[in-house]
Amino acid sequence: MRYLAAIISILAFVHPFGLAAQISKPTTLAELAVYNGPDREQLLIAGAKKEGKVVWYTALAGGSYRDLARAFETKYAVPVEAYRGTSRDLIAKVLAETQAKKYLMDVAESSPPLLMLMRAMKRLVR
């Protein structure tokens, strides 16, 4: 009897609610951030194309960031607008954008201080 109750509990959880939650498409940024369906990459690419570009803030030294941006553009057919600066430059830019309530950046690559600041300001989505 215990096994029957356990099986019924599992089936009730998985069907229809649990299974439907895994299959349904994300409708918010928070849902997309944790969505791991087989079409996740296609949804991200479609969203980037709809926005028209990907805005990337980076602290990578030299010109390597340009090569990465070109490779991304070639693979996904989405333009990359890269802003390269020191970690301090990026922190100042993110703070200014946050104060102006203009959230331009899509992707950041930097040292831990910028990422910790962004986490404290609730600017990171995971």
Protein backbone atom coordinates (compact mmCIF):
# COMPACT_ATOMS: atom_id res chain seq x y z
CA MET A 1 0.00 0.00 0.00
CA ARG A 2 2.90 2.39 0.75
CA TYR A 3 4.36 1.78 -2.70
CA LEU A 4 1.02 2.49 -4.34
CA ALA A 5 0.73 5.76 -2.40
CA ALA A 6 4.28 6.72 -3.41
CA ILE A 7 3.60 6.00 -7.07
CA ILE A 8 0.36 7.97 -7.00
CA SER A 9 2.18 10.89 -5.35
CA ILE A 10 4.91 10.84 -7.98
CA LEU A 11 2.44 10.65 -10.86
CA ALA A 12 0.35 13.45 -9.40
CA PHE A 13 3.44 15.63 -9.16
CA VAL A 14 4.83 14.85 -12.60
CA HIS A 15 1.59 14.86 -14.51
CA PRO A 16 0.25 17.26 -15.56
CA PHE A 17 1.84 20.05 -13.54
CA GLY A 18 5.49 19.03 -13.21
CA LEU A 19 5.84 17.89 -16.80
CA ALA A 20 4.01 20.93 -18.14
CA ALA A 21 6.32 23.24 -16.21
CA GLN A 22 9.33 21.71 -17.96
CA ILE A 23 7.76 21.92 -21.42
CA SER A 24 6.21 25.39 -21.28
CA LYS A 25 8.11 28.24 -22.88
CA PRO A 26 9.59 30.95 -20.64
CA THR A 27 7.69 34.23 -20.66
CA THR A 28 9.95 36.37 -18.47
CA LEU A 29 13.68 37.01 -18.31
CA ALA A 30 13.86 35.22 -14.95
CA GLU A 31 12.17 32.15 -16.43
CA LEU A 32 14.47 32.23 -19.48
CA ALA A 33 17.52 32.42 -17.22
CA VAL A 34 16.68 29.07 -15.64
CA TYR A 35 15.03 27.48 -18.68
CA ASN A 36 16.99 24.51 -20.00
CA GLY A 37 14.69 23.08 -22.65
CA PRO A 38 16.19 21.77 -25.89
CA ASP A 39 15.21 24.99 -27.69
CA ARG A 40 16.92 27.37 -25.22
CA GLU A 41 19.64 28.43 -27.64
CA GLN A 42 17.10 29.14 -30.39
CA LEU A 43 15.03 31.27 -27.99
CA LEU A 44 18.10 33.28 -26.99
CA ILE A 45 19.15 33.82 -30.61
CA ALA A 46 15.63 34.87 -31.60
CA GLY A 47 15.54 37.34 -28.70
CA ALA A 48 18.93 38.80 -29.66
CA LYS A 49 17.84 39.18 -33.28
CA LYS A 50 14.65 40.88 -32.17
CA GLU A 51 16.68 43.37 -30.08
CA GLY A 52 18.98 43.90 -33.06
CA LYS A 53 22.32 43.44 -31.30
CA VAL A 54 24.15 42.10 -28.27
CA VAL A 55 25.82 44.71 -26.07
CA TRP A 56 28.96 43.27 -24.46
CA TYR A 57 31.07 45.02 -21.82
CA THR A 58 34.52 43.51 -21.51
CA ALA A 59 37.83 44.06 -19.77
CA LEU A 60 39.73 41.71 -22.08
CA ALA A 61 43.10 43.19 -22.97
CA GLY A 62 44.25 43.71 -26.54
CA GLY A 63 42.15 43.02 -29.57
CA SER A 64 41.06 39.50 -28.71
CA TYR A 65 37.58 40.73 -27.83
CA ARG A 66 37.12 41.88 -31.43
CA ASP A 67 37.88 38.37 -32.70
CA LEU A 68 35.39 36.89 -30.24
CA ALA A 69 32.73 39.40 -31.29
CA ARG A 70 33.30 38.63 -34.99
CA ALA A 71 33.07 34.87 -34.35
CA PHE A 72 29.78 35.37 -32.47
CA GLU A 73 28.40 37.55 -35.28
CA THR A 74 29.39 34.95 -37.88
CA LYS A 75 27.87 32.04 -35.98
CA TYR A 76 24.61 33.68 -34.85
CA ALA A 77 24.10 36.51 -37.40
CA VAL A 78 23.60 38.98 -34.55
CA PRO A 79 25.73 42.15 -34.39
CA VAL A 80 27.86 42.64 -31.27
CA GLU A 81 28.43 46.11 -29.85
CA ALA A 82 31.49 45.70 -27.66
CA TYR A 83 32.62 48.26 -25.11
CA ARG A 84 36.12 47.56 -23.85
CA GLY A 85 37.50 49.20 -20.75
CA THR A 86 39.27 48.57 -17.52
CA SER A 87 37.30 47.14 -14.63
CA ARG A 88 37.07 50.67 -13.20
CA ASP A 89 35.71 51.98 -16.51
CA LEU A 90 33.11 49.23 -16.58
CA ILE A 91 32.08 49.86 -12.98
CA ALA A 92 31.63 53.58 -13.72
CA LYS A 93 29.61 52.79 -16.85
CA VAL A 94 27.33 50.31 -15.07
CA LEU A 95 26.78 52.73 -12.16
CA ALA A 96 25.94 55.59 -14.54
CA GLU A 97 23.51 53.42 -16.52
CA THR A 98 21.86 52.18 -13.34
CA GLN A 99 21.41 55.72 -12.01
CA ALA A 100 19.92 56.77 -15.35
CA LYS A 101 17.75 53.62 -15.41
CA LYS A 102 19.11 52.79 -18.86
CA TYR A 103 20.07 49.15 -18.93
CA LEU A 104 22.06 48.74 -22.13
CA MET A 105 24.42 45.86 -21.36
CA ASP A 106 23.49 42.30 -22.25
CA VAL A 107 26.74 40.55 -21.29
CA ALA A 108 29.61 41.48 -18.98
CA GLU A 109 33.07 39.98 -18.72
CA SER A 110 35.26 41.48 -16.06
CA SER A 111 36.98 40.99 -12.75
CA PRO A 112 35.10 40.05 -9.57
CA PRO A 113 34.60 43.66 -8.31
CA LEU A 114 32.29 44.53 -11.22
CA LEU A 115 30.38 41.27 -10.93
CA MET A 116 29.99 41.68 -7.16
CA LEU A 117 28.72 45.23 -7.65
CA MET A 118 26.24 44.05 -10.28
CA ARG A 119 25.03 41.29 -7.97
CA ALA A 120 24.56 43.80 -5.12
CA MET A 121 22.58 46.06 -7.47
CA LYS A 122 20.49 43.09 -8.64
CA ARG A 123 21.73 43.55 -12.23
CA LEU A 124 22.69 39.89 -12.67
CA VAL A 125 20.30 37.22 -13.86
CA ARG A 126 21.29 33.61 -13.46
